[in-house]
Amino acid sequence: MKIQILKNIIDENDVIAKKINEKLNEFNIFCMNFMSSPGAGKTEIITQLIEKYYNKKRIGVIEGDVSTTIDAEKLAKHKIPVIQINTDIFGGGCHLSASLIEQALEKFDLSKLDILIIENIGNLICPGEYNLGEHKKIVVISLTEGVEKPLKYPLLFRRADAVLINKVDLEPYLDTKAKDVIKNIRTINSKVQIFSLSAKTGEGIDNFIDWINNEI
């Protein structure tokens, strides 16, 4: 019975996600769902995208956190629409659901968006299970996390459309090497797009943007 309940929850989520996807397509909005462990650098990468796309694409962000508006405030400084979702009022959920995204979409003027970015809650397990109506799932892993994360949390990497290896500027100071992380990612998902970059220095960001432009 418990398995059946879980299946029903996910099925209902997928129905809403499909409606979200259809609405985004109606307004010609390209949506990416960014997922990672806490501190991997999602917010800084999104900041880089906002700055690179300034005056080229109209970007909106749905910011997911258990608590606080810290990251949302950072992004809002760039004069873009940002909607905060805090899950602590719902019991502190470790992921965003399609129903929450559906509610957040009501707060945007969709006719004024080209790209919608969802920054999911920092977690390598739960977010991978739930579709949010996005067009692409983006997983961020930082070089400081070591090489084993793709092997320990395979679902997220298996479902990813692109994996961003962040903080490569620190490689000279770490035992972890990007080539070893890439090898483990490929073990889980041989076809996924992989980008090595640094949100701090901007290295590799343009390659990721080129990929986005080809997908839009």
Protein backbone atom coordinates (compact mmCIF):
# COMPACT_ATOMS: atom_id res chain seq x y z
CA MET A 1 0.00 0.00 0.00
CA LYS A 2 2.82 2.44 0.76
CA ILE A 3 4.37 1.80 -2.65
CA GLN A 4 1.01 2.50 -4.30
CA ILE A 5 0.67 5.79 -2.42
CA LEU A 6 4.12 6.91 -3.56
CA LYS A 7 3.31 6.00 -7.15
CA ASN A 8 0.12 8.04 -6.99
CA ILE A 9 2.02 11.06 -5.67
CA ILE A 10 4.58 10.92 -8.45
CA ASP A 11 1.92 10.29 -11.09
CA GLU A 12 -0.01 13.36 -9.96
CA ASN A 13 3.20 15.39 -10.03
CA ASP A 14 3.87 14.28 -13.61
CA VAL A 15 0.37 15.33 -14.71
CA ILE A 16 0.98 18.84 -13.36
CA ALA A 17 4.49 18.89 -14.84
CA LYS A 18 3.04 18.12 -18.26
CA LYS A 19 0.65 21.07 -17.96
CA ILE A 20 3.54 23.32 -16.94
CA ASN A 21 5.58 22.20 -19.92
CA GLU A 22 2.68 22.88 -22.27
CA LYS A 23 2.22 26.38 -20.83
CA LEU A 24 5.93 27.15 -21.18
CA ASN A 25 5.83 25.98 -24.78
CA GLU A 26 2.78 28.15 -25.41
CA PHE A 27 4.79 31.20 -24.36
CA ASN A 28 7.99 29.95 -26.03
CA ILE A 29 9.87 29.88 -22.72
CA PHE A 30 12.90 27.62 -22.31
CA CYS A 31 13.09 26.18 -18.78
CA MET A 32 16.04 24.63 -16.94
CA ASN A 33 15.94 22.89 -13.57
CA PHE A 34 19.25 23.32 -11.70
CA MET A 35 20.01 20.65 -9.09
CA SER A 36 23.03 20.02 -6.86
CA SER A 37 24.21 19.42 -3.35
CA PRO A 38 24.31 22.49 -1.05
CA GLY A 39 27.20 24.81 -1.83
CA ALA A 40 28.02 23.43 -5.28
CA GLY A 41 27.58 26.87 -6.81
CA LYS A 42 24.15 26.87 -8.50
CA THR A 43 23.39 30.48 -7.57
CA GLU A 44 26.74 31.79 -8.79
CA ILE A 45 26.39 29.95 -12.11
CA ILE A 46 22.89 31.34 -12.55
CA THR A 47 24.28 34.80 -11.79
CA GLN A 48 26.83 34.30 -14.57
CA LEU A 49 24.04 33.31 -16.97
CA ILE A 50 22.00 36.38 -16.07
CA GLU A 51 24.99 38.66 -16.67
CA LYS A 52 25.93 36.97 -19.96
CA TYR A 53 22.36 37.13 -21.25
CA TYR A 54 21.81 40.73 -20.15
CA ASN A 55 19.90 42.57 -22.90
CA LYS A 56 19.82 39.36 -24.98
CA LYS A 57 17.29 37.14 -23.20
CA ARG A 58 14.63 37.92 -20.62
CA ILE A 59 15.24 35.65 -17.64
CA GLY A 60 13.06 34.76 -14.66
CA VAL A 61 14.06 32.61 -11.70
CA ILE A 62 12.16 30.39 -9.30
CA GLU A 63 14.36 30.08 -6.23
CA GLY A 64 13.89 27.04 -4.00
CA ASP A 65 15.19 26.84 -0.44
CA VAL A 66 14.08 25.23 2.76
CA SER A 67 14.35 28.63 4.45
CA THR A 68 15.55 32.24 3.92
CA THR A 69 15.55 34.47 0.82
CA ILE A 70 19.33 34.93 0.71
CA ASP A 71 19.89 33.56 -2.80
CA ALA A 72 16.74 35.16 -4.19
CA GLU A 73 17.94 38.56 -2.96
CA LYS A 74 21.30 38.08 -4.71
CA LEU A 75 19.59 37.33 -8.02
CA ALA A 76 16.97 40.07 -7.68
CA LYS A 77 19.78 42.67 -7.64
CA HIS A 78 20.08 42.04 -11.36
CA LYS A 79 16.59 43.49 -11.88
CA ILE A 80 14.99 40.25 -13.01
CA PRO A 81 11.75 38.68 -11.71
CA VAL A 82 12.48 36.19 -8.93
CA ILE A 83 9.90 34.10 -7.06
CA GLN A 84 10.97 32.48 -3.79
CA ILE A 85 9.66 29.10 -2.65
CA ASN A 86 10.45 28.13 0.95
CA THR A 87 9.51 24.58 1.86
CA ASP A 88 9.81 24.97 5.62
CA ILE A 89 6.17 26.06 5.72
CA PHE A 90 5.29 22.73 4.11
CA GLY A 91 7.39 20.68 6.52
CA GLY A 92 10.85 21.46 5.13
CA GLY A 93 10.70 19.40 1.94
CA CYS A 94 14.04 18.55 0.30
CA HIS A 95 12.85 19.21 -3.27
CA LEU A 96 10.48 21.33 -5.32
CA SER A 97 7.33 19.78 -6.75
CA ALA A 98 5.38 20.56 -9.90
CA SER A 99 2.47 21.91 -7.86
CA LEU A 100 4.75 24.52 -6.26
CA ILE A 101 6.16 25.51 -9.65
CA GLU A 102 2.62 25.81 -11.02
CA GLN A 103 1.74 28.26 -8.26
CA ALA A 104 4.94 30.23 -8.80
CA LEU A 105 4.25 30.59 -12.53
CA GLU A 106 1.08 32.50 -11.70
CA LYS A 107 3.28 35.27 -10.26
CA PHE A 108 5.17 35.86 -13.53
CA ASP A 109 4.16 37.77 -16.64
CA LEU A 110 5.05 34.88 -18.95
CA SER A 111 4.78 37.07 -22.02
CA LYS A 112 7.91 38.86 -20.81
CA LEU A 113 10.15 35.80 -20.36
CA ASP A 114 12.45 33.92 -22.73
CA ILE A 115 14.19 31.70 -20.18
CA LEU A 116 12.94 30.38 -16.85
CA ILE A 117 15.50 29.00 -14.41
CA ILE A 118 14.44 26.84 -11.49
CA GLU A 119 17.03 26.61 -8.73
CA ASN A 120 16.03 23.49 -6.86
CA ILE A 121 16.77 22.83 -3.21
CA GLY A 122 20.31 21.64 -2.51
CA ASN A 123 20.01 17.86 -2.40
CA LEU A 124 21.41 15.04 -4.53
CA ILE A 125 18.55 12.59 -3.96
CA CYS A 126 15.00 13.95 -3.86
CA PRO A 127 15.02 16.51 -6.73
CA GLY A 128 15.94 13.87 -9.28
CA GLU A 129 12.67 12.02 -8.81
CA TYR A 130 10.32 14.90 -9.62
CA ASN A 131 9.68 16.42 -13.03
CA LEU A 132 8.85 20.12 -12.89
CA GLY A 133 7.85 20.70 -16.49
CA GLU A 134 11.37 21.80 -17.40
CA HIS A 135 12.95 21.28 -20.80
CA LYS A 136 16.39 20.41 -19.43
CA LYS A 137 17.70 19.07 -16.13
CA ILE A 138 21.04 20.59 -15.15
CA VAL A 139 23.15 19.01 -12.42
CA VAL A 140 25.96 21.00 -10.79
CA ILE A 141 28.78 19.22 -9.00
CA SER A 142 31.77 21.05 -7.55
CA LEU A 143 35.28 19.70 -7.79
CA THR A 144 35.60 20.12 -4.02
CA GLU A 145 33.00 17.39 -3.47
CA GLY A 146 35.33 14.61 -4.62
CA VAL A 147 34.97 12.07 -7.41
CA GLU A 148 32.44 9.68 -5.89
CA LYS A 149 29.21 11.71 -5.99
CA PRO A 150 27.98 10.44 -9.40
CA LEU A 151 28.48 6.86 -8.24
CA LYS A 152 26.79 7.39 -4.88
CA TYR A 153 23.81 9.35 -6.25
CA PRO A 154 23.28 7.85 -9.73
CA LEU A 155 19.62 8.81 -10.31
CA LEU A 156 20.31 12.54 -10.51
CA PHE A 157 23.18 12.05 -12.96
CA ARG A 158 21.27 9.43 -14.95
CA ARG A 159 18.42 11.85 -15.58
CA ALA A 160 20.58 14.91 -16.25
CA ASP A 161 20.75 16.55 -19.66
CA ALA A 162 23.90 18.43 -18.70
CA VAL A 163 26.37 18.22 -15.82
CA LEU A 164 28.40 21.27 -14.82
CA ILE A 165 31.64 20.57 -12.96
CA ASN A 166 32.14 23.78 -11.03
CA LYS A 167 35.16 25.25 -9.19
CA VAL A 168 37.71 23.88 -11.65
CA ASP A 169 39.86 26.91 -10.80
CA LEU A 170 40.67 25.08 -7.54
CA GLU A 171 41.95 21.95 -9.25
CA PRO A 172 45.66 22.76 -8.68
CA TYR A 173 44.99 22.75 -4.93
CA LEU A 174 42.91 19.56 -4.78
CA ASP A 175 43.53 15.84 -5.02
CA THR A 176 40.32 15.59 -7.06
CA LYS A 177 40.79 15.95 -10.80
CA ALA A 178 38.10 16.89 -13.29
CA LYS A 179 38.99 13.99 -15.59
CA ASP A 180 38.21 11.50 -12.79
CA VAL A 181 34.86 13.15 -12.08
CA ILE A 182 34.04 13.03 -15.79
CA LYS A 183 34.94 9.34 -15.91
CA ASN A 184 32.49 8.57 -13.09
CA ILE A 185 29.76 10.68 -14.68
CA ARG A 186 30.21 8.80 -17.94
CA THR A 187 29.89 5.52 -16.04
CA ILE A 188 26.37 6.58 -15.02
CA ASN A 189 25.33 8.49 -18.14
CA SER A 190 27.43 8.04 -21.26
CA LYS A 191 25.47 10.56 -23.34
CA VAL A 192 25.14 13.51 -20.96
CA GLN A 193 26.70 16.85 -21.87
CA ILE A 194 29.51 17.77 -19.47
CA PHE A 195 30.98 21.23 -18.96
CA SER A 196 33.97 22.08 -16.76
CA LEU A 197 33.71 25.63 -15.51
CA SER A 198 34.27 28.12 -12.74
CA ALA A 199 31.46 30.36 -11.57
CA LYS A 200 34.06 32.51 -9.83
CA THR A 201 36.31 33.24 -12.81
CA GLY A 202 33.77 32.69 -15.60
CA GLU A 203 35.90 29.98 -17.20
CA GLY A 204 33.81 27.62 -19.33
CA ILE A 205 30.55 29.55 -18.93
CA ASP A 206 30.48 30.54 -22.60
CA ASN A 207 30.63 26.89 -23.67
CA PHE A 208 27.60 26.15 -21.52
CA ILE A 209 25.76 29.15 -22.97
CA ASP A 210 26.52 27.96 -26.50
CA TRP A 211 24.87 24.65 -25.60
CA ILE A 212 21.82 26.44 -24.17
CA ASN A 213 21.48 28.53 -27.32
CA ASN A 214 21.52 25.39 -29.43
CA GLU A 215 18.79 23.84 -27.28
CA ILE A 216 16.42 26.79 -27.19
